[in-house]
N, C-alpha and C. Protein backbone atom coordinates (compact mmCIF):
# COMPACT_ATOMS: atom_id res chain seq x y z
N MET A 1 93.84 -165.58 19.50
CA MET A 1 93.99 -165.72 18.06
C MET A 1 93.96 -167.18 17.64
N GLN A 2 94.66 -168.04 18.36
CA GLN A 2 94.71 -169.46 18.00
C GLN A 2 93.32 -170.08 18.03
N ARG A 3 92.53 -169.75 19.07
CA ARG A 3 91.16 -170.28 19.18
C ARG A 3 90.33 -169.85 17.98
N SER A 4 90.48 -168.58 17.60
CA SER A 4 89.73 -168.04 16.47
C SER A 4 90.10 -168.78 15.19
N LEU A 5 91.37 -169.04 15.00
CA LEU A 5 91.84 -169.76 13.82
C LEU A 5 91.26 -171.17 13.79
N GLU A 6 91.26 -171.86 14.91
CA GLU A 6 90.69 -173.20 14.98
C GLU A 6 89.21 -173.17 14.63
N GLN A 7 88.51 -172.17 15.11
CA GLN A 7 87.09 -172.07 14.84
C GLN A 7 86.82 -171.77 13.37
N ARG A 8 87.65 -170.94 12.76
CA ARG A 8 87.50 -170.67 11.33
C ARG A 8 87.72 -171.93 10.51
N MET A 9 88.68 -172.75 10.91
CA MET A 9 88.90 -174.02 10.21
C MET A 9 87.68 -174.93 10.36
N ALA A 10 87.10 -174.94 11.56
CA ALA A 10 85.90 -175.75 11.80
C ALA A 10 84.73 -175.24 10.96
N ILE A 11 84.61 -173.92 10.84
CA ILE A 11 83.54 -173.34 10.03
C ILE A 11 83.74 -173.71 8.57
N LYS A 12 84.99 -173.63 8.10
CA LYS A 12 85.27 -174.01 6.70
C LYS A 12 84.89 -175.47 6.47
N PHE A 13 85.17 -176.33 7.42
CA PHE A 13 84.82 -177.74 7.32
C PHE A 13 83.30 -177.90 7.21
N CYS A 14 82.57 -177.15 8.02
CA CYS A 14 81.10 -177.21 7.97
C CYS A 14 80.57 -176.71 6.63
N VAL A 15 81.21 -175.68 6.07
CA VAL A 15 80.81 -175.18 4.75
C VAL A 15 81.00 -176.27 3.70
N LYS A 16 82.15 -176.94 3.76
CA LYS A 16 82.41 -178.03 2.80
C LYS A 16 81.41 -179.16 2.93
N LEU A 17 80.92 -179.39 4.16
CA LEU A 17 79.91 -180.43 4.38
C LEU A 17 78.49 -179.93 4.10
N GLU A 18 78.40 -178.66 3.66
CA GLU A 18 77.13 -178.02 3.34
C GLU A 18 76.18 -177.95 4.54
N LYS A 19 76.76 -177.71 5.72
CA LYS A 19 75.97 -177.53 6.93
C LYS A 19 75.43 -176.10 6.94
N SER A 20 74.21 -175.94 7.40
CA SER A 20 73.63 -174.60 7.52
C SER A 20 74.20 -173.91 8.75
N ALA A 21 73.96 -172.61 8.84
CA ALA A 21 74.40 -171.86 10.03
C ALA A 21 73.71 -172.41 11.27
N ALA A 22 72.45 -172.81 11.11
CA ALA A 22 71.69 -173.36 12.24
C ALA A 22 72.30 -174.66 12.75
N GLU A 23 72.98 -175.40 11.89
CA GLU A 23 73.66 -176.64 12.30
C GLU A 23 75.07 -176.35 12.81
N THR A 24 75.73 -175.39 12.20
CA THR A 24 77.12 -175.06 12.52
C THR A 24 77.26 -174.44 13.92
N ILE A 25 76.40 -173.49 14.23
CA ILE A 25 76.51 -172.74 15.49
C ILE A 25 76.47 -173.65 16.72
N PRO A 26 75.48 -174.57 16.84
CA PRO A 26 75.48 -175.44 18.04
C PRO A 26 76.70 -176.36 18.12
N MET A 27 77.19 -176.81 16.97
CA MET A 27 78.38 -177.67 16.98
C MET A 27 79.58 -176.92 17.52
N LEU A 28 79.77 -175.68 17.07
CA LEU A 28 80.90 -174.88 17.55
C LEU A 28 80.76 -174.54 19.02
N LYS A 29 79.55 -174.22 19.45
CA LYS A 29 79.33 -173.91 20.87
C LYS A 29 79.64 -175.13 21.74
N LYS A 30 79.29 -176.31 21.26
CA LYS A 30 79.59 -177.53 22.01
C LYS A 30 81.09 -177.79 22.05
N ALA A 31 81.75 -177.58 20.91
CA ALA A 31 83.18 -177.87 20.81
C ALA A 31 84.05 -176.85 21.56
N PHE A 32 83.69 -175.55 21.50
CA PHE A 32 84.54 -174.50 22.04
C PHE A 32 84.02 -173.86 23.32
N GLY A 33 82.80 -174.18 23.70
CA GLY A 33 82.24 -173.68 24.96
C GLY A 33 82.23 -172.17 25.05
N VAL A 34 82.67 -171.64 26.20
CA VAL A 34 82.63 -170.20 26.44
C VAL A 34 83.59 -169.42 25.54
N ASN A 35 84.55 -170.09 24.95
CA ASN A 35 85.50 -169.42 24.06
C ASN A 35 85.01 -169.34 22.62
N CYS A 36 83.78 -169.76 22.38
CA CYS A 36 83.22 -169.80 21.03
C CYS A 36 82.97 -168.39 20.50
N LEU A 37 83.15 -168.23 19.19
CA LEU A 37 82.79 -166.98 18.53
C LEU A 37 81.30 -166.74 18.73
N SER A 38 80.88 -165.50 18.60
CA SER A 38 79.45 -165.18 18.72
C SER A 38 78.70 -165.72 17.50
N ASP A 39 77.40 -165.83 17.62
CA ASP A 39 76.58 -166.31 16.50
C ASP A 39 76.81 -165.44 15.26
N ASN A 40 76.85 -164.13 15.44
CA ASN A 40 77.09 -163.21 14.32
C ASN A 40 78.44 -163.46 13.67
N GLN A 41 79.48 -163.64 14.48
CA GLN A 41 80.82 -163.88 13.94
C GLN A 41 80.86 -165.19 13.16
N ILE A 42 80.19 -166.20 13.66
CA ILE A 42 80.14 -167.49 12.97
C ILE A 42 79.43 -167.33 11.63
N PHE A 43 78.28 -166.66 11.65
CA PHE A 43 77.50 -166.46 10.43
C PHE A 43 78.28 -165.66 9.40
N GLU A 44 78.92 -164.57 9.83
CA GLU A 44 79.69 -163.74 8.91
C GLU A 44 80.89 -164.49 8.34
N THR A 45 81.60 -165.24 9.18
CA THR A 45 82.74 -166.03 8.71
C THR A 45 82.29 -167.06 7.70
N LYS A 46 81.17 -167.71 7.97
CA LYS A 46 80.61 -168.71 7.06
C LYS A 46 80.29 -168.08 5.71
N GLN A 47 79.70 -166.90 5.71
CA GLN A 47 79.36 -166.21 4.47
C GLN A 47 80.62 -165.83 3.68
N ILE A 48 81.64 -165.35 4.38
CA ILE A 48 82.89 -164.97 3.72
C ILE A 48 83.53 -166.19 3.07
N ILE A 49 83.59 -167.29 3.79
CA ILE A 49 84.21 -168.51 3.26
C ILE A 49 83.46 -169.00 2.03
N LYS A 50 82.14 -168.89 2.03
CA LYS A 50 81.34 -169.32 0.89
C LYS A 50 81.56 -168.43 -0.33
N GLN A 51 81.79 -167.14 -0.10
CA GLN A 51 81.88 -166.19 -1.20
C GLN A 51 83.26 -166.04 -1.81
N ILE A 52 84.30 -166.32 -1.05
CA ILE A 52 85.67 -166.08 -1.53
C ILE A 52 86.24 -167.34 -2.17
N PRO A 53 86.53 -167.28 -3.45
CA PRO A 53 87.19 -168.43 -4.07
C PRO A 53 88.58 -168.63 -3.47
N ALA A 54 88.94 -169.86 -3.21
CA ALA A 54 90.22 -170.18 -2.58
C ALA A 54 91.40 -169.66 -3.40
N MET A 55 91.26 -169.55 -4.69
CA MET A 55 92.37 -169.15 -5.55
C MET A 55 92.81 -167.71 -5.32
N ILE A 56 91.93 -166.82 -4.85
CA ILE A 56 92.34 -165.42 -4.69
C ILE A 56 92.79 -165.12 -3.27
N CYS A 57 92.78 -166.10 -2.41
CA CYS A 57 93.17 -165.91 -1.02
C CYS A 57 94.56 -166.49 -0.77
N THR A 58 95.43 -165.73 -0.15
CA THR A 58 96.73 -166.28 0.20
C THR A 58 96.66 -166.98 1.55
N ASN A 59 95.83 -166.47 2.42
CA ASN A 59 95.66 -167.07 3.74
C ASN A 59 94.17 -167.13 4.04
N TYR A 60 93.58 -168.27 3.75
CA TYR A 60 92.14 -168.45 3.80
C TYR A 60 91.54 -168.19 5.16
N PHE A 61 92.28 -168.44 6.22
CA PHE A 61 91.71 -168.34 7.56
C PHE A 61 91.81 -166.96 8.17
N THR A 62 92.71 -166.13 7.68
CA THR A 62 92.78 -164.76 8.17
C THR A 62 92.26 -163.79 7.13
N PHE A 63 91.83 -164.29 5.98
CA PHE A 63 91.23 -163.50 4.92
C PHE A 63 92.17 -162.41 4.40
N GLN A 64 93.44 -162.77 4.22
CA GLN A 64 94.39 -161.86 3.63
C GLN A 64 94.42 -162.15 2.13
N PHE A 65 94.31 -161.11 1.33
CA PHE A 65 94.20 -161.28 -0.12
C PHE A 65 95.50 -160.95 -0.83
N ILE A 66 95.65 -161.52 -2.01
CA ILE A 66 96.84 -161.23 -2.82
C ILE A 66 96.61 -159.94 -3.58
């Protein structure tokens, strides 16, 4: 769980920097190695973070809503 949370924070950082999925995936694979989320999980998490306004989320990294 902790690894997943760290990776979600890294993905959120990449979204803020306007990095594409093609740029984000290799960076995460380099940083987290074999413990990295799958390409699909990274892409889906990136899409969720882009679509959900921060104001409606109580916990942005676990996607729990108010």
